[in-house]
Amino acid sequence: MGELLRAEGWEQAAVEARFPAMWTAYLGNLRRVVERTEVRALPGIPALLDRVEGGGPHVVLGLLTGNVAQGAAIKLRAAGIDPARFTVGAYGSDHADRPELPAVAVRRARELIGIDYRGKEVVIIGDTPFDVSCGHHLGVRTLAVATGMHSADDLRACDPDHVFADLSDTDAVWKAIAE
C-alpha cells in the first residue's frame, strides 16, 4: 500500500499515518472474502507442520510472510491451521522490505530460545521469487514450491536450494530441510 500511495505522490509521513486505517479496512475485507471462499491447506502442509514440530528441541517452526500478522492468522485459521503452531513470526507489518524479514524471525527465535540460527540452519519455504530472494538476502536455505502463480521452472531460475511441485512428499521435503 505504501508503494502505491507514494507512487501517487503521497509523502511518507502521510502514508504512515494512514496505515492503521488501511489495515483495519484490509482485515475487514479479508475476513469477508475468507468467509465466502473455500480455503484449505495445500497438499502436504499439515503433515509437514507436524514433522517440523517434532523435529527436535532446536527446530523452531516460524512463519514469514509479507502479510500483516492478523491477516496471516485469518488465512491460517480459514485453512484449518492454528496460528499458535508457529513459535516465531516475521510479517510485512514488521518491515516493508521482505528481504529484511528473515533477520527479524532469526532475532525473535534467538530472543525466545537463546539460539542464534545462522546461514543454512534457517530454511525458508515459499512459492514466489520474492520468497527465494529474501532467503538469499540472509544466506539461508530456500525451498521453492510451485503451488502458487509461479511454475517450477520460474522458481528454479531464482536459484533456490530445492524446488518441489508441492509439499506432499513429506520425507523428501524434510530431508531438504534437515540436510
Protein backbone atom coordinates (compact mmCIF):
# COMPACT_ATOMS: atom_id res chain seq x y z
CA MET A 1 0.00 0.00 0.00
CA GLY A 2 2.82 2.35 0.84
CA GLU A 3 4.39 1.90 -2.57
CA LEU A 4 1.09 2.59 -4.32
CA LEU A 5 0.40 5.75 -2.34
CA ARG A 6 3.96 7.05 -2.74
CA ALA A 7 3.70 6.42 -6.50
CA GLU A 8 0.63 8.67 -6.46
CA GLY A 9 2.66 11.44 -4.83
CA TRP A 10 1.82 10.94 -1.16
CA GLU A 11 4.51 11.90 1.35
CA GLN A 12 5.89 9.10 3.53
CA ALA A 13 4.54 10.64 6.75
CA ALA A 14 1.04 10.86 5.29
CA VAL A 15 1.24 7.24 4.11
CA GLU A 16 2.36 6.02 7.54
CA ALA A 17 -0.39 8.00 9.26
CA ARG A 18 -2.96 6.12 7.19
CA PHE A 19 -1.62 2.61 7.79
CA PRO A 20 -3.85 1.86 10.80
CA ALA A 21 -6.98 2.70 8.81
CA MET A 22 -5.71 0.73 5.80
CA TRP A 23 -5.00 -2.36 7.94
CA THR A 24 -8.44 -2.15 9.53
CA ALA A 25 -10.11 -1.97 6.10
CA TYR A 26 -7.91 -4.73 4.70
CA LEU A 27 -8.57 -7.09 7.61
CA GLY A 28 -12.33 -6.48 7.44
CA ASN A 29 -12.33 -7.20 3.71
CA LEU A 30 -10.12 -10.26 4.16
CA ARG A 31 -12.50 -11.69 6.77
CA ARG A 32 -15.45 -11.23 4.41
CA VAL A 33 -13.61 -12.86 1.50
CA VAL A 34 -12.46 -15.80 3.62
CA GLU A 35 -16.00 -16.35 4.95
CA ARG A 36 -17.36 -16.91 1.45
CA THR A 37 -14.39 -18.76 -0.02
CA GLU A 38 -13.36 -22.38 0.42
CA VAL A 39 -9.90 -22.24 1.93
CA ARG A 40 -7.84 -25.35 2.62
CA ALA A 41 -4.23 -26.18 3.30
CA LEU A 42 -2.22 -27.14 0.23
CA PRO A 43 -1.08 -30.75 -0.21
CA GLY A 44 1.45 -31.82 2.39
CA ILE A 45 1.19 -28.78 4.65
CA PRO A 46 -0.46 -30.43 7.70
CA ALA A 47 1.93 -33.41 7.63
CA LEU A 48 4.95 -31.15 7.14
CA LEU A 49 3.94 -28.91 10.03
CA ASP A 50 3.67 -32.00 12.23
CA ARG A 51 7.07 -33.22 11.05
CA VAL A 52 8.80 -29.88 11.69
CA GLU A 53 7.21 -29.54 15.13
CA GLY A 54 8.53 -32.98 16.00
CA GLY A 55 11.95 -32.26 14.51
CA GLY A 56 13.81 -31.91 17.79
CA PRO A 57 14.49 -29.41 20.55
CA HIS A 58 16.42 -26.99 18.33
CA VAL A 59 13.90 -26.94 15.49
CA VAL A 60 11.66 -23.87 15.56
CA LEU A 61 8.59 -23.54 13.36
CA GLY A 62 8.23 -19.99 12.14
CA LEU A 63 6.05 -18.05 9.76
CA LEU A 64 7.46 -15.39 7.48
CA THR A 65 5.03 -13.51 5.25
CA GLY A 66 4.58 -10.17 3.59
CA ASN A 67 1.12 -10.08 5.15
CA VAL A 68 0.39 -8.40 8.46
CA ALA A 69 0.23 -10.75 11.47
CA GLN A 70 -3.56 -10.52 11.82
CA GLY A 71 -4.05 -11.17 8.09
CA ALA A 72 -1.82 -14.23 8.23
CA ALA A 73 -3.80 -15.53 11.23
CA ILE A 74 -7.10 -15.09 9.38
CA LYS A 75 -5.80 -17.06 6.39
CA LEU A 76 -4.27 -19.80 8.52
CA ARG A 77 -7.44 -20.31 10.57
CA ALA A 78 -9.51 -20.45 7.38
CA ALA A 79 -7.25 -23.28 6.18
CA GLY A 80 -7.65 -25.13 9.48
CA ILE A 81 -4.19 -24.27 10.79
CA ASP A 82 -3.77 -22.81 14.27
CA PRO A 83 -1.50 -19.74 14.05
CA ALA A 84 -0.20 -20.58 17.54
CA ARG A 85 1.71 -23.51 16.00
CA PHE A 86 4.29 -21.01 14.77
CA THR A 87 6.78 -20.26 17.53
CA VAL A 88 8.10 -17.13 15.82
CA GLY A 89 6.90 -14.93 13.03
CA ALA A 90 8.00 -12.06 10.86
CA TYR A 91 5.41 -10.07 8.95
CA GLY A 92 5.06 -7.30 6.42
CA SER A 93 4.00 -5.11 9.31
CA ASP A 94 7.46 -5.67 10.85
CA HIS A 95 9.33 -4.33 7.84
CA ALA A 96 8.22 -3.08 4.44
CA ASP A 97 11.10 -4.82 2.67
CA ARG A 98 10.57 -8.59 2.53
CA PRO A 99 14.32 -9.34 2.40
CA GLU A 100 14.59 -7.90 5.92
CA LEU A 101 12.04 -10.34 7.38
CA PRO A 102 14.30 -13.41 7.79
CA ALA A 103 16.57 -11.41 10.09
CA VAL A 104 13.52 -10.38 12.14
CA ALA A 105 12.47 -14.02 12.51
CA VAL A 106 16.00 -15.13 13.42
CA ARG A 107 16.26 -12.38 16.05
CA ARG A 108 12.91 -13.39 17.55
CA ALA A 109 13.96 -17.04 17.67
CA ARG A 110 17.22 -16.07 19.39
CA GLU A 111 15.37 -13.94 21.95
CA LEU A 112 12.85 -16.70 22.60
CA ILE A 113 15.02 -19.80 22.83
CA GLY A 114 18.57 -18.48 23.00
CA ILE A 115 19.90 -20.00 19.78
CA ASP A 116 21.48 -17.79 17.13
CA TYR A 117 20.47 -19.59 13.94
CA ARG A 118 22.77 -18.81 11.03
CA GLY A 119 23.08 -19.50 7.33
CA LYS A 120 21.63 -22.78 6.10
CA GLU A 121 20.31 -23.61 9.60
CA VAL A 122 17.45 -21.30 8.63
CA VAL A 123 15.06 -22.61 5.97
CA ILE A 124 12.53 -20.57 4.03
CA ILE A 125 9.82 -22.36 2.09
CA GLY A 126 7.93 -20.20 -0.36
CA ASP A 127 6.11 -20.12 -3.67
CA THR A 128 7.36 -16.87 -5.18
CA PRO A 129 10.65 -15.45 -6.46
CA PHE A 130 10.34 -12.90 -3.61
CA ASP A 131 10.45 -15.75 -1.09
CA VAL A 132 13.60 -17.16 -2.64
CA SER A 133 15.28 -13.76 -2.89
CA CYS A 134 14.51 -12.89 0.73
CA GLY A 135 16.22 -16.12 1.71
CA HIS A 136 19.24 -15.29 -0.43
CA HIS A 137 19.45 -11.90 1.28
CA LEU A 138 20.28 -13.59 4.59
CA GLY A 139 22.12 -16.57 3.09
CA VAL A 140 19.60 -19.16 4.31
CA ARG A 141 18.39 -22.39 2.71
CA THR A 142 15.48 -21.86 0.32
CA LEU A 143 12.87 -24.39 -0.75
CA ALA A 144 10.65 -23.21 -3.57
CA VAL A 145 7.27 -24.85 -4.08
CA ALA A 146 5.28 -24.41 -7.30
CA THR A 147 1.82 -24.25 -5.73
CA GLY A 148 1.23 -20.58 -6.48
CA MET A 149 1.37 -18.44 -9.59
CA HIS A 150 4.95 -19.41 -10.46
CA SER A 151 5.97 -22.60 -12.23
CA ALA A 152 8.76 -24.86 -11.03
CA ASP A 153 10.89 -23.56 -13.93
CA ASP A 154 10.22 -19.93 -12.93
CA LEU A 155 11.24 -20.71 -9.37
CA ARG A 156 14.26 -22.78 -10.43
CA ALA A 157 15.52 -19.70 -12.32
CA CYS A 158 15.74 -17.90 -8.95
CA ASP A 159 18.31 -20.47 -7.76
CA PRO A 160 16.67 -21.92 -4.66
CA ASP A 161 18.36 -24.82 -2.87
CA HIS A 162 15.42 -27.12 -3.74
CA VAL A 163 12.27 -26.96 -5.88
CA PHE A 164 9.13 -29.03 -5.27
CA ALA A 165 5.88 -29.24 -7.21
CA ASP A 166 4.09 -29.32 -3.86
CA LEU A 167 4.91 -30.41 -0.32
CA SER A 168 3.10 -33.74 -0.37
CA ASP A 169 6.30 -35.83 -0.22
CA THR A 170 6.92 -35.04 3.45
CA ASP A 171 10.01 -37.25 3.65
CA ALA A 172 11.72 -35.54 0.70
CA VAL A 173 10.83 -32.07 1.97
CA TRP A 174 12.02 -32.92 5.49
CA LYS A 175 15.28 -34.25 4.04
CA ALA A 176 15.79 -30.93 2.21
CA ILE A 177 15.05 -29.02 5.42
CA ALA A 178 17.28 -31.09 7.68
CA GLU A 179 20.26 -31.74 5.36
